[in-house]
Structure formats: C-alpha cells, structure tokens
Amino acid sequence: MSKKIEKPVIYSALEVANICGVVNQTAINWINNGYLKAFKTPGGQYRVYPDDLVDFMSGRNMHIPMKLLSSCTNRAAYNSGTMLVIDDDKTFNTLIASFIRSRFPSLEVLQAYDGFDAGVQLFSKRPRCIILDLDLPGVDGFELCRKINENKEYGKPAVIVVTALQSVEDEKKIEELGIVKFFRKPLKLDELAAVIDAVFKD
C-alpha cells in the first residue's frame, strides 16, 4: 500500500487577507510591493507559504493564529540575537526589558504578559533566551517549561526563571525541567546580566 503524501500548506492572497484581517487587494499590494514573499501559479494566481506569512506578520507585530504557526515547516532553531521577557507584572516586565536593552543594546528584547502570548512569541520569534515568571495567567510557567522541552518548534531557548514564589519544591520542580538559572524576587540586576552574558557567549 502506497504511503499517502501530504501536500504542503499554501495560502492564496484571499486566505492571507482573511488571516490578516484586511481586504484581498491589500494582500495583493503587499506581494506586489515586495513586502510579502509569494510565487505565482501557472494560472497567474499568488500563493504564499506559511513560513513566509509568519515572518511577514512577525515583522509587523500582527497577531499570528496558532493554526498558521502549526503549518510552518522550516522554522530555524532559534533567533540568536533575541530575548523574551515573560511576566504578567507589566511594571516589572518593562523594568527588566529596559535594563536588558541598555546593558545589551545588540539584543532584540520582546515582552509577553501571559502564557498564551508567550507561547505564540516563542513559536514565531524563536528567542535564544527567555526570562520566565512561574505564576502566569493562561498557561503557567511550569507548563510553559514543559512545552519548551517537549516541542522543538519553540527552538529550545535558554530559560532563566525569575519568580516571587518561595517554595523550595517549586524550585526543585522547575530545575528538573532544565532551566539555566533560578532567581527569586527581589532580583539583583547585575547577577541577571551575568547569566544573560554567559548564555549569549555560549
């Protein structure tokens, strides 16, 4: 019995428009202007691969549906110059992100405030390193670590945990998931910088 060959997912300009929430002509204009990579069928219709659409949408900070992300086939292991700060405390998140930007100006620093957004950015942006709070709305930090370990599509980033949780059991549980470093709040920024430096020199 012959093995069924799965056809790759390819989107029409209209499907791209629907995913992005715009009219068909806008998607065609993106393609014609060279913003969105596409190819033409023998009949002259535009077609777009999922990886190229994700790259386009990521560069414009557009919401990327998980169905689109799961259709990608050629994602790189990780983006070597990118960090993601994941913490629902927006003030603390911004403080950490601002500190990293000032200390490591060559890095691109992204921010997520809940587990769902973190999952999407991990999939689409593939950061080299993440700073992760364990107590998150949506998918919690423990679950997110498990997903990173189990799913190569997240790019296997280095994980630095920063949390207000005081449980020794929590620390042991998260260290078993292969994190780089565990910090409790309040955080010493110079110690965090040393760990980040080591990750990106590795």
C-alpha atoms as a PDB file:
ATOM      1  CA  MET A   1       0.000   0.000   0.000  1.00  0.00           C
ATOM      2  CA  SER A   2       1.499   3.319  -1.053  1.00  0.00           C
ATOM      3  CA  LYS A   3       2.145   5.953   1.568  1.00  0.00           C
ATOM      4  CA  LYS A   4      -0.075   8.996   1.360  1.00  0.00           C
ATOM      5  CA  ILE A   5       1.933  12.120   0.573  1.00  0.00           C
ATOM      6  CA  GLU A   6       0.763  15.193   2.448  1.00  0.00           C
ATOM      7  CA  LYS A   7       0.625  18.342   0.385  1.00  0.00           C
ATOM      8  CA  PRO A   8       2.305  21.400   1.917  1.00  0.00           C
ATOM      9  CA  VAL A   9       0.001  24.133   3.165  1.00  0.00           C
ATOM     10  CA  ILE A  10      -0.047  27.095   0.782  1.00  0.00           C
ATOM     11  CA  TYR A  11      -2.264  30.172   1.071  1.00  0.00           C
ATOM     12  CA  SER A  12      -3.955  32.219  -1.635  1.00  0.00           C
ATOM     13  CA  ALA A  13      -3.922  36.004  -1.477  1.00  0.00           C
ATOM     14  CA  LEU A  14      -7.545  35.905  -0.288  1.00  0.00           C
ATOM     15  CA  GLU A  15      -6.671  33.474   2.520  1.00  0.00           C
ATOM     16  CA  VAL A  16      -3.754  35.718   3.518  1.00  0.00           C
ATOM     17  CA  ALA A  17      -6.143  38.670   3.598  1.00  0.00           C
ATOM     18  CA  ASN A  18      -8.580  36.768   5.826  1.00  0.00           C
ATOM     19  CA  ILE A  19      -5.826  35.709   8.232  1.00  0.00           C
ATOM     20  CA  CYS A  20      -4.509  39.270   8.472  1.00  0.00           C
ATOM     21  CA  GLY A  21      -7.949  40.893   8.684  1.00  0.00           C
ATOM     22  CA  VAL A  22      -7.611  43.002   5.529  1.00  0.00           C
ATOM     23  CA  VAL A  23      -9.236  43.085   2.086  1.00  0.00           C
ATOM     24  CA  ASN A  24      -7.881  40.932  -0.730  1.00  0.00           C
ATOM     25  CA  GLN A  25      -6.360  43.889  -2.608  1.00  0.00           C
ATOM     26  CA  THR A  26      -4.261  44.850   0.420  1.00  0.00           C
ATOM     27  CA  ALA A  27      -2.679  41.386   0.479  1.00  0.00           C
ATOM     28  CA  ILE A  28      -2.005  41.641  -3.260  1.00  0.00           C
ATOM     29  CA  ASN A  29      -0.416  45.057  -2.751  1.00  0.00           C
ATOM     30  CA  TRP A  30       1.867  43.630  -0.039  1.00  0.00           C
ATOM     31  CA  ILE A  31       3.016  40.993  -2.517  1.00  0.00           C
ATOM     32  CA  ASN A  32       3.385  43.391  -5.462  1.00  0.00           C
ATOM     33  CA  ASN A  33       5.426  45.802  -3.334  1.00  0.00           C
ATOM     34  CA  GLY A  34       7.777  43.043  -2.206  1.00  0.00           C
ATOM     35  CA  TYR A  35       6.741  43.146   1.450  1.00  0.00           C
ATOM     36  CA  LEU A  36       5.323  39.616   1.434  1.00  0.00           C
ATOM     37  CA  LYS A  37       7.146  36.809  -0.343  1.00  0.00           C
ATOM     38  CA  ALA A  38       4.967  34.825  -2.775  1.00  0.00           C
ATOM     39  CA  PHE A  39       5.037  32.883  -6.017  1.00  0.00           C
ATOM     40  CA  LYS A  40       2.649  32.609  -8.967  1.00  0.00           C
ATOM     41  CA  THR A  41       0.800  29.515 -10.114  1.00  0.00           C
ATOM     42  CA  PRO A  42       0.747  28.672 -13.863  1.00  0.00           C
ATOM     43  CA  GLY A  43      -2.643  30.379 -13.906  1.00  0.00           C
ATOM     44  CA  GLY A  44      -1.137  33.607 -12.547  1.00  0.00           C
ATOM     45  CA  GLN A  45      -2.527  33.379  -9.006  1.00  0.00           C
ATOM     46  CA  TYR A  46      -0.417  34.327  -5.999  1.00  0.00           C
ATOM     47  CA  ARG A  47       0.437  31.677  -3.406  1.00  0.00           C
ATOM     48  CA  VAL A  48       2.179  32.196  -0.039  1.00  0.00           C
ATOM     49  CA  TYR A  49       3.969  29.653   2.154  1.00  0.00           C
ATOM     50  CA  PRO A  50       3.107  29.687   5.898  1.00  0.00           C
ATOM     51  CA  ASP A  51       6.723  30.388   6.938  1.00  0.00           C
ATOM     52  CA  ASP A  52       6.851  33.500   4.757  1.00  0.00           C
ATOM     53  CA  LEU A  53       3.495  34.728   6.062  1.00  0.00           C
ATOM     54  CA  VAL A  54       4.614  34.237   9.690  1.00  0.00           C
ATOM     55  CA  ASP A  55       7.834  36.172   9.013  1.00  0.00           C
ATOM     56  CA  PHE A  56       5.807  38.989   7.424  1.00  0.00           C
ATOM     57  CA  MET A  57       3.305  39.138  10.289  1.00  0.00           C
ATOM     58  CA  SER A  58       6.001  38.898  12.969  1.00  0.00           C
ATOM     59  CA  GLY A  59       7.822  41.873  11.493  1.00  0.00           C
ATOM     60  CA  ARG A  60       4.652  43.943  11.822  1.00  0.00           C
ATOM     61  CA  ASN A  61       3.664  42.726  15.316  1.00  0.00           C
ATOM     62  CA  MET A  62       0.438  41.231  13.961  1.00  0.00           C
ATOM     63  CA  HIS A  63      -1.435  38.526  15.885  1.00  0.00           C
ATOM     64  CA  ILE A  64      -0.421  35.126  14.475  1.00  0.00           C
ATOM     65  CA  PRO A  65      -3.017  32.324  14.782  1.00  0.00           C
ATOM     66  CA  MET A  66      -1.715  29.046  16.211  1.00  0.00           C
ATOM     67  CA  LYS A  67      -3.174  27.210  13.186  1.00  0.00           C
ATOM     68  CA  LEU A  68      -0.871  29.239  10.929  1.00  0.00           C
ATOM     69  CA  LEU A  69       2.144  28.609  13.170  1.00  0.00           C
ATOM     70  CA  SER A  70       1.492  24.877  13.207  1.00  0.00           C
ATOM     71  CA  SER A  71       1.558  24.851   9.386  1.00  0.00           C
ATOM     72  CA  CYS A  72       5.147  26.123   9.256  1.00  0.00           C
ATOM     73  CA  THR A  73       7.780  23.637   8.150  1.00  0.00           C
ATOM     74  CA  ASN A  74      11.077  25.486   8.028  1.00  0.00           C
ATOM     75  CA  ARG A  75      11.499  27.297  11.335  1.00  0.00           C
ATOM     76  CA  ALA A  76      15.077  27.957  12.440  1.00  0.00           C
ATOM     77  CA  ALA A  77      16.289  26.540  15.766  1.00  0.00           C
ATOM     78  CA  TYR A  78      16.263  29.967  17.365  1.00  0.00           C
ATOM     79  CA  ASN A  79      16.924  33.618  16.664  1.00  0.00           C
ATOM     80  CA  SER A  80      20.402  34.103  18.102  1.00  0.00           C
ATOM     81  CA  GLY A  81      20.006  37.793  18.971  1.00  0.00           C
ATOM     82  CA  THR A  82      16.577  37.773  20.613  1.00  0.00           C
ATOM     83  CA  MET A  83      15.309  37.621  24.204  1.00  0.00           C
ATOM     84  CA  LEU A  84      11.756  37.318  25.516  1.00  0.00           C
ATOM     85  CA  VAL A  85      10.693  38.612  28.946  1.00  0.00           C
ATOM     86  CA  ILE A  86       7.573  36.790  30.219  1.00  0.00           C
ATOM     87  CA  ASP A  87       5.923  38.283  33.304  1.00  0.00           C
ATOM     88  CA  ASP A  88       2.341  39.446  33.949  1.00  0.00           C
ATOM     89  CA  ASP A  89       3.584  42.275  36.188  1.00  0.00           C
ATOM     90  CA  LYS A  90       3.868  44.897  33.461  1.00  0.00           C
ATOM     91  CA  THR A  91       5.955  47.279  35.572  1.00  0.00           C
ATOM     92  CA  PHE A  92       8.496  44.578  36.441  1.00  0.00           C
ATOM     93  CA  ASN A  93       8.450  43.243  32.877  1.00  0.00           C
ATOM     94  CA  THR A  94       9.213  46.683  31.457  1.00  0.00           C
ATOM     95  CA  LEU A  95      11.931  47.302  34.067  1.00  0.00           C
ATOM     96  CA  ILE A  96      13.714  44.071  33.119  1.00  0.00           C
ATOM     97  CA  ALA A  97      13.284  44.652  29.385  1.00  0.00           C
ATOM     98  CA  SER A  98      14.626  48.225  29.666  1.00  0.00           C
ATOM     99  CA  PHE A  99      17.605  47.056  31.708  1.00  0.00           C
ATOM    100  CA  ILE A 100      18.498  44.359  29.155  1.00  0.00           C
ATOM    101  CA  ARG A 101      18.166  46.819  26.258  1.00  0.00           C
ATOM    102  CA  SER A 102      20.535  49.267  27.967  1.00  0.00           C
ATOM    103  CA  ARG A 103      23.063  46.606  29.041  1.00  0.00           C
ATOM    104  CA  PHE A 104      22.904  44.575  25.801  1.00  0.00           C
ATOM    105  CA  PRO A 105      21.996  47.046  23.019  1.00  0.00           C
ATOM    106  CA  SER A 106      22.641  44.488  20.260  1.00  0.00           C
ATOM    107  CA  LEU A 107      19.834  42.222  21.510  1.00  0.00           C
ATOM    108  CA  GLU A 108      16.217  42.438  20.407  1.00  0.00           C
ATOM    109  CA  VAL A 109      14.095  42.300  23.570  1.00  0.00           C
ATOM    110  CA  LEU A 110      10.485  41.126  23.295  1.00  0.00           C
ATOM    111  CA  GLN A 111       7.820  41.144  26.021  1.00  0.00           C
ATOM    112  CA  ALA A 112       4.854  38.890  26.867  1.00  0.00           C
ATOM    113  CA  TYR A 113       2.398  39.302  29.754  1.00  0.00           C
ATOM    114  CA  ASP A 114       0.645  35.919  29.817  1.00  0.00           C
ATOM    115  CA  GLY A 115       1.298  32.304  28.940  1.00  0.00           C
ATOM    116  CA  PHE A 116      -0.678  32.316  25.709  1.00  0.00           C
ATOM    117  CA  ASP A 117       1.114  35.343  24.252  1.00  0.00           C
ATOM    118  CA  ALA A 118       4.420  33.853  25.400  1.00  0.00           C
ATOM    119  CA  GLY A 119       3.650  30.634  23.535  1.00  0.00           C
ATOM    120  CA  VAL A 120       2.854  32.490  20.325  1.00  0.00           C
ATOM    121  CA  GLN A 121       6.028  34.579  20.503  1.00  0.00           C
ATOM    122  CA  LEU A 122       8.169  31.554  21.338  1.00  0.00           C
ATOM    123  CA  PHE A 123       6.808  29.848  18.229  1.00  0.00           C
ATOM    124  CA  SER A 124       7.008  32.821  15.864  1.00  0.00           C
ATOM    125  CA  LYS A 125      10.079  34.705  17.128  1.00  0.00           C
ATOM    126  CA  ARG A 126      12.180  31.758  18.433  1.00  0.00           C
ATOM    127  CA  PRO A 127      14.160  33.761  21.040  1.00  0.00           C
ATOM    128  CA  ARG A 128      17.563  32.465  22.106  1.00  0.00           C
ATOM    129  CA  CYS A 129      16.808  33.135  25.776  1.00  0.00           C
ATOM    130  CA  ILE A 130      13.722  33.799  27.895  1.00  0.00           C
ATOM    131  CA  ILE A 131      13.194  35.279  31.342  1.00  0.00           C
ATOM    132  CA  LEU A 132      10.185  33.494  32.789  1.00  0.00           C
ATOM    133  CA  ASP A 133       7.863  34.168  35.708  1.00  0.00           C
ATOM    134  CA  LEU A 134       6.253  30.962  37.020  1.00  0.00           C
ATOM    135  CA  ASP A 135       2.958  32.454  38.221  1.00  0.00           C
ATOM    136  CA  LEU A 136       1.327  33.458  34.921  1.00  0.00           C
ATOM    137  CA  PRO A 137      -2.270  33.828  33.750  1.00  0.00           C
ATOM    138  CA  GLY A 138      -3.180  31.464  30.930  1.00  0.00           C
ATOM    139  CA  VAL A 139      -0.500  28.793  30.618  1.00  0.00           C
ATOM    140  CA  ASP A 140       1.593  28.881  33.810  1.00  0.00           C
ATOM    141  CA  GLY A 141       5.394  28.917  33.851  1.00  0.00           C
ATOM    142  CA  PHE A 142       5.727  25.245  34.757  1.00  0.00           C
ATOM    143  CA  GLU A 143       3.538  24.205  31.839  1.00  0.00           C
ATOM    144  CA  LEU A 144       5.399  26.568  29.515  1.00  0.00           C
ATOM    145  CA  CYS A 145       8.730  24.982  30.502  1.00  0.00           C
ATOM    146  CA  ARG A 146       7.308  21.544  29.805  1.00  0.00           C
ATOM    147  CA  LYS A 147       6.093  22.662  26.391  1.00  0.00           C
ATOM    148  CA  ILE A 148       9.520  24.113  25.558  1.00  0.00           C
ATOM    149  CA  ASN A 149      11.195  20.830  26.493  1.00  0.00           C
ATOM    150  CA  GLU A 150       8.729  18.688  24.561  1.00  0.00           C
ATOM    151  CA  ASN A 151       8.244  20.763  21.413  1.00  0.00           C
ATOM    152  CA  LYS A 152      11.252  21.515  19.203  1.00  0.00           C
ATOM    153  CA  GLU A 153       9.186  24.131  17.349  1.00  0.00           C
ATOM    154  CA  TYR A 154       9.818  26.526  20.249  1.00  0.00           C
ATOM    155  CA  GLY A 155      13.542  26.468  19.370  1.00  0.00           C
ATOM    156  CA  LYS A 156      14.835  25.182  22.741  1.00  0.00           C
ATOM    157  CA  PRO A 157      15.640  28.606  24.250  1.00  0.00           C
ATOM    158  CA  ALA A 158      17.720  29.002  27.397  1.00  0.00           C
ATOM    159  CA  VAL A 159      15.300  29.582  30.303  1.00  0.00           C
ATOM    160  CA  ILE A 160      16.022  31.924  33.215  1.00  0.00           C
ATOM    161  CA  VAL A 161      13.322  31.795  35.905  1.00  0.00           C
ATOM    162  CA  VAL A 162      12.583  34.898  37.974  1.00  0.00           C
ATOM    163  CA  THR A 163       9.749  34.417  40.470  1.00  0.00           C
ATOM    164  CA  ALA A 164       8.217  35.648  43.696  1.00  0.00           C
ATOM    165  CA  LEU A 165       7.242  32.079  44.638  1.00  0.00           C
ATOM    166  CA  GLN A 166       9.139  30.938  47.732  1.00  0.00           C
ATOM    167  CA  SER A 167       8.526  27.178  47.657  1.00  0.00           C
ATOM    168  CA  VAL A 168      11.654  25.002  47.631  1.00  0.00           C
ATOM    169  CA  GLU A 169       9.558  22.312  45.938  1.00  0.00           C
ATOM    170  CA  ASP A 170       8.764  24.723  43.112  1.00  0.00           C
ATOM    171  CA  GLU A 171      12.474  25.411  42.677  1.00  0.00           C
ATOM    172  CA  LYS A 172      13.318  21.711  42.537  1.00  0.00           C
ATOM    173  CA  LYS A 173      10.457  21.034  40.119  1.00  0.00           C
ATOM    174  CA  ILE A 174      11.484  23.772  37.700  1.00  0.00           C
ATOM    175  CA  GLU A 175      15.188  22.882  37.841  1.00  0.00           C
ATOM    176  CA  GLU A 176      14.286  19.367  36.727  1.00  0.00           C
ATOM    177  CA  LEU A 177      12.954  20.932  33.524  1.00  0.00           C
ATOM    178  CA  GLY A 178      16.444  22.049  32.514  1.00  0.00           C
ATOM    179  CA  ILE A 179      16.477  25.769  33.226  1.00  0.00           C
ATOM    180  CA  VAL A 180      19.701  27.790  33.146  1.00  0.00           C
ATOM    181  CA  LYS A 181      19.184  29.751  36.392  1.00  0.00           C
ATOM    182  CA  PHE A 182      16.575  30.249  39.112  1.00  0.00           C
ATOM    183  CA  PHE A 183      16.216  33.710  40.719  1.00  0.00           C
ATOM    184  CA  ARG A 184      13.823  34.817  43.440  1.00  0.00           C
ATOM    185  CA  LYS A 185      12.462  38.354  43.587  1.00  0.00           C
ATOM    186  CA  PRO A 186      13.720  40.889  44.523  1.00  0.00           C
ATOM    187  CA  LEU A 187      16.204  40.444  41.709  1.00  0.00           C
ATOM    188  CA  LYS A 188      19.800  41.688  41.546  1.00  0.00           C
ATOM    189  CA  LEU A 189      20.127  43.008  38.018  1.00  0.00           C
ATOM    190  CA  ASP A 190      23.896  42.569  37.810  1.00  0.00           C
ATOM    191  CA  GLU A 191      23.513  38.848  38.589  1.00  0.00           C
ATOM    192  CA  LEU A 192      20.874  38.545  35.884  1.00  0.00           C
ATOM    193  CA  ALA A 193      23.152  40.351  33.411  1.00  0.00           C
ATOM    194  CA  ALA A 194      25.983  37.894  34.147  1.00  0.00           C
ATOM    195  CA  VAL A 195      23.744  34.926  33.315  1.00  0.00           C
ATOM    196  CA  ILE A 196      22.450  36.561  30.108  1.00  0.00           C
ATOM    197  CA  ASP A 197      26.014  37.349  29.076  1.00  0.00           C
ATOM    198  CA  ALA A 198      27.005  33.707  29.586  1.00  0.00           C
ATOM    199  CA  VAL A 199      24.025  32.460  27.538  1.00  0.00           C
ATOM    200  CA  PHE A 200      24.828  34.623  24.532  1.00  0.00           C
ATOM    201  CA  LYS A 201      28.544  33.846  24.663  1.00  0.00           C
ATOM    202  CA  ASP A 202      27.850  30.107  24.665  1.00  0.00           C
END
